Amino acid sequence: MHDTENMEAEAEFEEGEEPSFSDSEDFEDDISDQELLEDILKEQPQEADGIDSVVVVDNVPQVGPERIEKLKNVIHKIFSKFGKITNEFYPEDEGKTRGYIFLEYASPSHALDAVKNADGYKLDKQHTFRVNVFTDFDKYMTISDEWETPEKQPFKDFGNLCHWMEESDCRDQYSVIFEAGERTGIFANDAKEAITVEERARWTETYVRWSPKGTYLATFHQRGIALWGGEKFKQIQRFSHQGVQLIDFSPCERYVVTFSPLMDTKDDPQAIIIWDVLTGQKKRGFHCESSAHWPIFKWSHDGKFFARMTQDTLSIYETPSMGLLDKKSLKITGIKDFSWSPGDNVITFWVPEDKDIPARVTLMQMPSRQEIRVRNLFNVVDCKLHWQKNGDYLCVKVDRTPKGTPGVVTNFEIFRMREKQVPVDVVEMKEGIIAFAWEPNGSKFAVLHGESPRINSSFYHVKNNGKIELIKTFDKQQANSIFWSPQGQFLVLAGLRSMNGALTFVDTSDCTLMNIAEHYMASDVEWDPTGRYVVTSVSWWSHKVDNAFWLWTFQGRLLQKNNKDRFCQLLWRPRPPTLLSVDETKLIKKDLKKYSKIFEQKDRLSQSKASKELVDKRRTMMDEYRKYRENAMQVHQEQRSLRLDLRGGVDTDERDSNVDDWEEETIEFFINEEIIPIGDQA
């Protein structure tokens, strides 16, 4: 039909004159160029007037002529790090600045960087900068007075990120990399056999890392880092950092720090980047010449502060602004090392001797920067800082060369952090120190000292009466590492790598050797978060044969030997801090026998795989029977009215309901007759 009409129209044009495409005299053109040529006009070159490179800084101090130069120097120092400033304008009124200024950058991108990083910058207690691009004023002037409901952003549901904590049998999880890094698996620990939770090929390109509370699993890729979590280990977040090699989490899991040697430039620091875990946004970048002492930044226990040491300088930053605390670094000539307390916002650092000035260890409260303890030391060669897990004690291992004495002597300077004026006790060791480790939740520490083959292990107790007691010394130990249980009391003395994997399991409550064993060529020891199990392993990264990980009880009883092809790494998934109060924990310990019966029953049922399968089968059958019985009773009840109709209203469901009307009748009937002959009687 349409084809016929088109043919007729064409015939008309051929017979008559050509059609006119001119508008009629009364035609009104009501279509604008913007509507008609919107796509083309978007590409129309715009006149560049340079205002997109100008920023407006508000809340600047109002000063007179005598202080204007100092203010300009401060402003230039802060804002020049975002790019080259080509012009500055400080409006004045009656000889004083008005409290806002204009800065012009060489590039609009530099102006945007200044807005992103300097907005909210705290100059002092009275002045916090508000920074905007000049072109924003046009945008804000054209905002409609009518309220428009913001568009709802889609909510990304990643599921329960603490799902593994709800596991009915309270099994801890661990990650395993094997097949030379080609495969990565997550397993739930079980005394009989590990249970596979998730396993993927090429999940990571190098290694993996758990976040401090176990919420996220971080994997490494050429283009950056990916975070995974939830029941099915979905991708939660990713951070683009080309060539990333190292990462570190803040203790609160809010921030992650990444390092790449490929990205750094002079104008745009990219070697180290701090990211916001929740939003995925880059918070700040830093230069870095070397990653030999990773992590470069060390975090306070609550994640509110992080610090970095450079030559003669300790820089402390605060979150979430990522700016320097009080806008200045600490000038500490010769600073060698520093460390945060794991329990308080206290930082400690040490400085070596300088001519007649002794070496010193300083404890400083943050953010006040108040020195709470200074300890002077003499004839110091080196110091190492060791915090107890809760921050109750600090041990400074001091290597000294006393005058008139050959060789090096080691002192342990023990700071009692919870006591007034922080008293210090000293333990002197005449032999060389191989390893030192605090009991995580207690007041004991262990030391390996001496030289092979005469290596001794000593255990000390920091008492409340101001004394440090030597509890026990074991002679001739094959050990070079100390691994405490996360709950304290138990530890493993391990002779890793060159010592062929010798293992000694010790109970420090009475200093008994629970077991002596060996895992040949073991390279790593990892305790589970509960302190019930410990894993020893031979990594393919350090030794190319006998790659496996073995599971032991805390007492040293071997439970499993897991041989994985080219096994590389095992990491236990950390647990978040308990939500129980101290009193609630004490109450549970008091009633532990009551809970133990339940756990022992579960343990007996899981003694063998066969019994477990049989119990599961019986439970399934019982569940099926209960469902069938419930359905049958429901149908029986639904048919009750029908039964009453069929039986003339007599309720036969209750058979004992009319006992009084029953009549008893006895019926006898002949069954059989048998005649037995009896012999003739005399």
Foldseek 3Di string as FASTA:
>chain_A
DVVVVVVVVVVVCVVDPHDDPDDDPPDDDPDDCCRVVVVVVVPDDDDDPQLLQKKKKAQQDKDAPVCPVVSVVVVCVVLCLLAAWDDKAFDDDPRIGPGMIMTGHPDSNSLVVCQQQQAQCDLDPRGGIHMDRRVVVVVVVPDDPDDDDDDDDDDDDQADLVVLCVPPLRFFKKKWAFPQRQKIWIWTDDLADIHTQDMDGCPADHDWDAQLALSWIWHHDQQFIWTFGDSHGDTQETAGQGQWDDKHAALQRQKMKTAHPPDQDDSAARRIWIAGSNPNDTQHHDHDDDCPPPPQWAAAQNRQKIWGDDAQWIFIAGPDSRATQSNDIDRHHQWDDKHHQNAAQKIKTWHPDDVPAFIKIWIAHPPVRHTLDIDGDHQFDDWDWAAANNRQKIWIWTWGDDPPDPDIKIKTWIFRVVDHSGDTDIDIDRFAWLDKDDFNPFFKIKTWTHDPQWIKIWMWGCDPVRDIGTQDMDTRDQARDWAAQNNGQWIWGFNAAVSQTWIWIFGNVNTDTLDTDGDGRWHDKAAANVSQKIKTFHACVVPVPPGWIWIAGSSGHTRDTGDGHRIHDMDIRHHHDDPDDPVRVVVCVVCVVVVVVVVVVVCVCVVDPVSVVVVVVVVVVVVVVVVVVVVVVVVVVVCQVVVCVVVVNDRCVDVCPPVVPDDDDDDDDDDDDDDDDDDDDD
